[in-house]
Amino acid sequence: MKRTIFALIVLAVIIGLGVGEQVYLHHLFEDLNEKTRAIARLVDEDDMGEAHDKTVELQEWWNKNKHFLEAVVSHNETKEVTLRIAELEGYIAIDDQKSSYATAQIMVELSTNLPHLLGFSWDTVL
């Protein structure tokens, strides 16, 4: 009986951690999506100074959050986001509005698709 109870507790902990990881993953990428949409709007409005400030904030925010994320998901995807943010910051810094806007839109798309690829989904499991 003790073994059964212990096994059920371990199973409950594993399921709880999995659900928690999924909630964290989706929340993180929703925040990333909102932040990159805001930057894309600023670039579109030609407010490159404010866009640069927001991009630097985004870099700092991502660097704080990516380390835990790397513990639970593939490093390739987190590396891609890190590189795209750096690319976006570089384009904004040199005032290249077209490339900045394109990269911001790529970031929006990444933040929309990555939770589906990294998270639990029947089509990625089967």
N, C-alpha and C. Protein backbone atom coordinates (compact mmCIF):
# COMPACT_ATOMS: atom_id res chain seq x y z
N MET A 1 0.81 -1.20 0.00
CA MET A 1 0.00 0.00 0.00
C MET A 1 0.87 1.28 0.00
N LYS A 2 1.95 1.24 0.78
CA LYS A 2 2.83 2.40 0.84
C LYS A 2 3.47 2.67 -0.52
N ARG A 3 3.82 1.61 -1.23
CA ARG A 3 4.43 1.77 -2.54
C ARG A 3 3.45 2.40 -3.53
N THR A 4 2.21 2.00 -3.44
CA THR A 4 1.18 2.56 -4.33
C THR A 4 0.97 4.03 -4.05
N ILE A 5 0.90 4.39 -2.81
CA ILE A 5 0.73 5.80 -2.43
C ILE A 5 1.95 6.61 -2.88
N PHE A 6 3.13 6.07 -2.66
CA PHE A 6 4.35 6.75 -3.09
C PHE A 6 4.37 6.93 -4.62
N ALA A 7 3.99 5.90 -5.33
CA ALA A 7 3.95 5.98 -6.80
C ALA A 7 2.94 7.02 -7.26
N LEU A 8 1.79 7.09 -6.62
CA LEU A 8 0.78 8.09 -6.97
C LEU A 8 1.27 9.51 -6.68
N ILE A 9 1.98 9.67 -5.59
CA ILE A 9 2.53 10.99 -5.24
C ILE A 9 3.57 11.40 -6.28
N VAL A 10 4.44 10.49 -6.65
CA VAL A 10 5.46 10.78 -7.66
C VAL A 10 4.79 11.13 -8.99
N LEU A 11 3.78 10.37 -9.37
CA LEU A 11 3.04 10.65 -10.61
C LEU A 11 2.38 12.02 -10.56
N ALA A 12 1.78 12.36 -9.43
CA ALA A 12 1.13 13.67 -9.28
C ALA A 12 2.16 14.80 -9.39
N VAL A 13 3.34 14.60 -8.81
CA VAL A 13 4.39 15.62 -8.89
C VAL A 13 4.86 15.79 -10.33
N ILE A 14 5.05 14.69 -11.04
CA ILE A 14 5.49 14.76 -12.44
C ILE A 14 4.45 15.47 -13.30
N ILE A 15 3.19 15.13 -13.12
CA ILE A 15 2.12 15.78 -13.89
C ILE A 15 2.04 17.26 -13.53
N GLY A 16 2.15 17.57 -12.25
CA GLY A 16 2.11 18.97 -11.81
C GLY A 16 3.25 19.79 -12.38
N LEU A 17 4.44 19.22 -12.40
CA LEU A 17 5.58 19.92 -12.99
C LEU A 17 5.39 20.12 -14.49
N GLY A 18 4.84 19.13 -15.16
CA GLY A 18 4.58 19.26 -16.60
C GLY A 18 3.57 20.35 -16.90
N VAL A 19 2.51 20.40 -16.13
CA VAL A 19 1.49 21.44 -16.33
C VAL A 19 2.07 22.81 -16.01
N GLY A 20 2.84 22.90 -14.93
CA GLY A 20 3.48 24.16 -14.58
C GLY A 20 4.43 24.65 -15.65
N GLU A 21 5.17 23.73 -16.23
CA GLU A 21 6.10 24.09 -17.31
C GLU A 21 5.35 24.62 -18.53
N GLN A 22 4.22 24.01 -18.85
CA GLN A 22 3.42 24.45 -19.99
C GLN A 22 2.84 25.85 -19.76
N VAL A 23 2.35 26.08 -18.55
CA VAL A 23 1.80 27.40 -18.21
C VAL A 23 2.91 28.46 -18.30
N TYR A 24 4.07 28.15 -17.75
CA TYR A 24 5.21 29.08 -17.80
C TYR A 24 5.61 29.37 -19.24
N LEU A 25 5.73 28.33 -20.03
CA LEU A 25 6.14 28.45 -21.43
C LEU A 25 5.18 29.35 -22.21
N HIS A 26 3.89 29.11 -22.08
CA HIS A 26 2.92 29.91 -22.82
C HIS A 26 2.89 31.36 -22.32
N HIS A 27 2.99 31.55 -21.02
CA HIS A 27 3.00 32.91 -20.47
C HIS A 27 4.23 33.68 -20.94
N LEU A 28 5.38 33.03 -20.93
CA LEU A 28 6.62 33.69 -21.36
C LEU A 28 6.54 34.13 -22.83
N PHE A 29 6.05 33.25 -23.69
CA PHE A 29 5.99 33.60 -25.10
C PHE A 29 4.85 34.58 -25.41
N GLU A 30 3.80 34.61 -24.60
CA GLU A 30 2.78 35.66 -24.76
C GLU A 30 3.39 37.02 -24.44
N ASP A 31 4.19 37.07 -23.37
CA ASP A 31 4.87 38.33 -23.02
C ASP A 31 5.84 38.75 -24.13
N LEU A 32 6.58 37.79 -24.66
CA LEU A 32 7.51 38.08 -25.75
C LEU A 32 6.75 38.61 -26.96
N ASN A 33 5.61 38.02 -27.26
CA ASN A 33 4.80 38.46 -28.39
C ASN A 33 4.33 39.90 -28.20
N GLU A 34 3.83 40.22 -27.01
CA GLU A 34 3.37 41.59 -26.73
C GLU A 34 4.51 42.60 -26.86
N LYS A 35 5.66 42.26 -26.32
CA LYS A 35 6.80 43.18 -26.36
C LYS A 35 7.29 43.39 -27.79
N THR A 36 7.34 42.34 -28.59
CA THR A 36 7.82 42.50 -29.95
C THR A 36 6.79 43.21 -30.83
N ARG A 37 5.51 43.01 -30.56
CA ARG A 37 4.47 43.76 -31.29
C ARG A 37 4.58 45.25 -30.99
N ALA A 38 4.86 45.58 -29.74
CA ALA A 38 5.02 46.99 -29.36
C ALA A 38 6.23 47.60 -30.07
N ILE A 39 7.31 46.87 -30.16
CA ILE A 39 8.51 47.36 -30.85
C ILE A 39 8.22 47.52 -32.34
N ALA A 40 7.53 46.56 -32.94
CA ALA A 40 7.18 46.67 -34.36
C ALA A 40 6.33 47.91 -34.62
N ARG A 41 5.40 48.20 -33.71
CA ARG A 41 4.56 49.41 -33.85
C ARG A 41 5.41 50.67 -33.80
N LEU A 42 6.36 50.71 -32.86
CA LEU A 42 7.23 51.88 -32.74
C LEU A 42 8.09 52.06 -33.98
N VAL A 43 8.60 50.96 -34.51
CA VAL A 43 9.41 51.05 -35.74
C VAL A 43 8.53 51.53 -36.89
N ASP A 44 7.32 51.01 -36.98
CA ASP A 44 6.41 51.41 -38.05
C ASP A 44 6.06 52.89 -37.96
N GLU A 45 5.99 53.40 -36.74
CA GLU A 45 5.69 54.83 -36.52
C GLU A 45 6.96 55.68 -36.61
N ASP A 46 8.09 55.07 -36.93
CA ASP A 46 9.38 55.74 -37.07
C ASP A 46 9.87 56.38 -35.77
N ASP A 47 9.53 55.76 -34.64
CA ASP A 47 10.01 56.21 -33.34
C ASP A 47 11.17 55.29 -32.94
N MET A 48 12.28 55.45 -33.65
CA MET A 48 13.40 54.53 -33.49
C MET A 48 14.09 54.65 -32.13
N GLY A 49 14.06 55.83 -31.53
CA GLY A 49 14.67 56.02 -30.21
C GLY A 49 13.94 55.20 -29.15
N GLU A 50 12.63 55.32 -29.13
CA GLU A 50 11.83 54.55 -28.18
C GLU A 50 11.90 53.05 -28.50
N ALA A 51 11.92 52.71 -29.78
CA ALA A 51 12.04 51.30 -30.18
C ALA A 51 13.36 50.72 -29.68
N HIS A 52 14.42 51.51 -29.75
CA HIS A 52 15.72 51.03 -29.26
C HIS A 52 15.68 50.80 -27.76
N ASP A 53 15.09 51.74 -27.03
CA ASP A 53 14.97 51.57 -25.57
C ASP A 53 14.18 50.31 -25.24
N LYS A 54 13.07 50.09 -25.92
CA LYS A 54 12.23 48.90 -25.68
C LYS A 54 12.97 47.62 -26.06
N THR A 55 13.79 47.68 -27.10
CA THR A 55 14.53 46.50 -27.52
C THR A 55 15.61 46.16 -26.51
N VAL A 56 16.27 47.15 -25.96
CA VAL A 56 17.28 46.91 -24.92
C VAL A 56 16.60 46.32 -23.69
N GLU A 57 15.42 46.85 -23.33
CA GLU A 57 14.65 46.27 -22.22
C GLU A 57 14.27 44.82 -22.52
N LEU A 58 13.88 44.55 -23.76
CA LEU A 58 13.52 43.20 -24.18
C LEU A 58 14.72 42.27 -24.05
N GLN A 59 15.89 42.72 -24.46
CA GLN A 59 17.11 41.91 -24.34
C GLN A 59 17.38 41.55 -22.89
N GLU A 60 17.29 42.54 -22.01
CA GLU A 60 17.54 42.30 -20.58
C GLU A 60 16.51 41.33 -20.01
N TRP A 61 15.23 41.55 -20.37
CA TRP A 61 14.16 40.68 -19.90
C TRP A 61 14.38 39.24 -20.40
N TRP A 62 14.70 39.08 -21.68
CA TRP A 62 14.90 37.75 -22.24
C TRP A 62 16.10 37.05 -21.59
N ASN A 63 17.18 37.79 -21.37
CA ASN A 63 18.37 37.19 -20.76
C ASN A 63 18.08 36.70 -19.34
N LYS A 64 17.19 37.37 -18.61
CA LYS A 64 16.81 36.92 -17.27
C LYS A 64 15.97 35.64 -17.35
N ASN A 65 15.11 35.56 -18.33
CA ASN A 65 14.15 34.45 -18.40
C ASN A 65 14.64 33.24 -19.17
N LYS A 66 15.59 33.41 -20.05
CA LYS A 66 15.98 32.31 -20.92
C LYS A 66 16.71 31.19 -20.19
N HIS A 67 17.37 31.49 -19.10
CA HIS A 67 18.17 30.46 -18.41
C HIS A 67 17.28 29.36 -17.84
N PHE A 68 16.17 29.73 -17.23
CA PHE A 68 15.24 28.69 -16.74
C PHE A 68 14.61 27.97 -17.92
N LEU A 69 14.25 28.72 -18.95
CA LEU A 69 13.63 28.12 -20.13
C LEU A 69 14.55 27.08 -20.76
N GLU A 70 15.84 27.36 -20.79
CA GLU A 70 16.81 26.43 -21.37
C GLU A 70 16.89 25.13 -20.58
N ALA A 71 16.47 25.15 -19.33
CA ALA A 71 16.48 23.93 -18.52
C ALA A 71 15.37 22.97 -18.93
N VAL A 72 14.33 23.49 -19.59
CA VAL A 72 13.18 22.64 -19.90
C VAL A 72 12.90 22.47 -21.39
N VAL A 73 13.52 23.29 -22.25
CA VAL A 73 13.28 23.16 -23.69
C VAL A 73 14.61 23.18 -24.45
N SER A 74 14.51 22.98 -25.74
CA SER A 74 15.68 22.93 -26.61
C SER A 74 16.42 24.26 -26.64
N HIS A 75 17.74 24.19 -26.62
CA HIS A 75 18.55 25.40 -26.68
C HIS A 75 18.52 26.04 -28.06
N ASN A 76 18.25 25.28 -29.09
CA ASN A 76 18.24 25.85 -30.44
C ASN A 76 17.19 26.95 -30.57
N GLU A 77 16.01 26.73 -30.02
CA GLU A 77 14.95 27.72 -30.13
C GLU A 77 15.25 28.95 -29.28
N THR A 78 15.78 28.76 -28.07
CA THR A 78 16.10 29.92 -27.24
C THR A 78 17.25 30.71 -27.85
N LYS A 79 18.20 30.00 -28.48
CA LYS A 79 19.31 30.68 -29.15
C LYS A 79 18.79 31.51 -30.32
N GLU A 80 17.82 30.97 -31.06
CA GLU A 80 17.24 31.70 -32.19
C GLU A 80 16.60 33.01 -31.72
N VAL A 81 15.87 32.96 -30.62
CA VAL A 81 15.24 34.18 -30.09
C VAL A 81 16.32 35.16 -29.65
N THR A 82 17.34 34.68 -28.98
CA THR A 82 18.43 35.55 -28.52
C THR A 82 19.11 36.25 -29.70
N LEU A 83 19.38 35.50 -30.75
CA LEU A 83 20.02 36.08 -31.92
C LEU A 83 19.12 37.08 -32.64
N ARG A 84 17.84 36.77 -32.74
CA ARG A 84 16.91 37.70 -33.40
C ARG A 84 16.76 39.00 -32.62
N ILE A 85 16.76 38.91 -31.31
CA ILE A 85 16.69 40.14 -30.51
C ILE A 85 17.94 40.98 -30.72
N ALA A 86 19.09 40.34 -30.74
CA ALA A 86 20.34 41.08 -30.99
C ALA A 86 20.34 41.70 -32.38
N GLU A 87 19.84 40.96 -33.36
CA GLU A 87 19.74 41.47 -34.73
C GLU A 87 18.80 42.67 -34.78
N LEU A 88 17.67 42.57 -34.10
CA LEU A 88 16.71 43.67 -34.06
C LEU A 88 17.34 44.91 -33.42
N GLU A 89 18.05 44.71 -32.33
CA GLU A 89 18.70 45.84 -31.67
C GLU A 89 19.73 46.49 -32.58
N GLY A 90 20.47 45.69 -33.31
CA GLY A 90 21.47 46.23 -34.24
C GLY A 90 20.85 47.03 -35.36
N TYR A 91 19.78 46.51 -35.95
CA TYR A 91 19.10 47.24 -37.03
C TYR A 91 18.51 48.56 -36.53
N ILE A 92 17.94 48.52 -35.33
CA ILE A 92 17.37 49.75 -34.79
C ILE A 92 18.48 50.75 -34.46
N ALA A 93 19.60 50.26 -33.94
CA ALA A 93 20.72 51.14 -33.57
C ALA A 93 21.27 51.88 -34.78
N ILE A 94 21.29 51.23 -35.95
CA ILE A 94 21.80 51.91 -37.14
C ILE A 94 20.69 52.59 -37.94
N ASP A 95 19.48 52.60 -37.36
CA ASP A 95 18.35 53.31 -37.93
C ASP A 95 17.91 52.73 -39.29
N ASP A 96 17.97 51.41 -39.42
CA ASP A 96 17.52 50.73 -40.62
C ASP A 96 16.07 50.30 -40.37
N GLN A 97 15.14 51.17 -40.75
CA GLN A 97 13.74 50.95 -40.42
C GLN A 97 13.16 49.71 -41.10
N LYS A 98 13.49 49.49 -42.36
CA LYS A 98 12.93 48.34 -43.08
C LYS A 98 13.38 47.02 -42.47
N SER A 99 14.66 46.89 -42.23
CA SER A 99 15.18 45.65 -41.64
C SER A 99 14.69 45.48 -40.20
N SER A 100 14.58 46.59 -39.48
CA SER A 100 14.08 46.54 -38.11
C SER A 100 12.64 46.02 -38.08
N TYR A 101 11.83 46.54 -38.97
CA TYR A 101 10.43 46.12 -39.01
C TYR A 101 10.32 44.66 -39.40
N ALA A 102 11.10 44.24 -40.40
CA ALA A 102 11.06 42.84 -40.83
C ALA A 102 11.50 41.91 -39.70
N THR A 103 12.55 42.27 -38.99
CA THR A 103 13.03 41.44 -37.90
C THR A 103 12.04 41.42 -36.75
N ALA A 104 11.40 42.55 -36.47
CA ALA A 104 10.38 42.58 -35.42
C ALA A 104 9.21 41.67 -35.79
N GLN A 105 8.83 41.64 -37.05
CA GLN A 105 7.75 40.76 -37.47
C GLN A 105 8.17 39.29 -37.39
N ILE A 106 9.42 39.00 -37.67
CA ILE A 106 9.93 37.64 -37.49
C ILE A 106 9.84 37.24 -36.02
N MET A 107 10.18 38.18 -35.14
CA MET A 107 10.08 37.91 -33.71
C MET A 107 8.64 37.66 -33.28
N VAL A 108 7.71 38.42 -33.84
CA VAL A 108 6.29 38.21 -33.52
C VAL A 108 5.89 36.80 -33.94
N GLU A 109 6.31 36.40 -35.13
CA GLU A 109 5.98 35.06 -35.63
C GLU A 109 6.64 33.97 -34.78
N LEU A 110 7.90 34.18 -34.41
CA LEU A 110 8.58 33.22 -33.54
C LEU A 110 7.85 33.05 -32.22
N SER A 111 7.46 34.16 -31.62
CA SER A 111 6.80 34.10 -30.32
C SER A 111 5.41 33.48 -30.41
N THR A 112 4.85 33.45 -31.61
CA THR A 112 3.56 32.79 -31.82
C THR A 112 3.75 31.30 -32.05
N ASN A 113 4.77 30.92 -32.80
CA ASN A 113 4.97 29.52 -33.18
C ASN A 113 5.72 28.68 -32.15
N LEU A 114 6.65 29.27 -31.44
CA LEU A 114 7.47 28.47 -30.53
C LEU A 114 6.70 27.78 -29.41
N PRO A 115 5.69 28.41 -28.81
CA PRO A 115 4.94 27.66 -27.78
C PRO A 115 4.29 26.40 -28.35
N HIS A 116 3.87 26.47 -29.59
CA HIS A 116 3.27 25.29 -30.23
C HIS A 116 4.34 24.21 -30.46
N LEU A 117 5.52 24.62 -30.88
CA LEU A 117 6.59 23.66 -31.15
C LEU A 117 7.20 23.09 -29.87
N LEU A 118 7.36 23.94 -28.86
CA LEU A 118 8.03 23.52 -27.63
C LEU A 118 7.08 22.93 -26.61
N GLY A 119 5.83 23.33 -26.67
CA GLY A 119 4.86 22.88 -25.69
C GLY A 119 4.23 21.56 -26.06
N PHE A 120 3.36 21.09 -25.19
CA PHE A 120 2.66 19.84 -25.42
C PHE A 120 1.53 20.09 -26.41
N SER A 121 1.55 19.35 -27.48
CA SER A 121 0.53 19.43 -28.50
C SER A 121 0.44 18.05 -29.15
N TRP A 122 -0.77 17.58 -29.38
CA TRP A 122 -0.94 16.23 -29.92
C TRP A 122 -0.24 16.06 -31.27
N ASP A 123 -0.26 17.10 -32.11
CA ASP A 123 0.38 16.92 -33.41
C ASP A 123 1.90 16.89 -33.33
N THR A 124 2.50 17.42 -32.24
CA THR A 124 3.95 17.30 -32.09
C THR A 124 4.33 16.04 -31.34
N VAL A 125 3.38 15.44 -30.65
CA VAL A 125 3.64 14.21 -29.90
C VAL A 125 3.49 13.00 -30.80
N LEU A 126 2.47 12.99 -31.61
CA LEU A 126 2.19 11.81 -32.44
C LEU A 126 3.02 11.76 -33.68
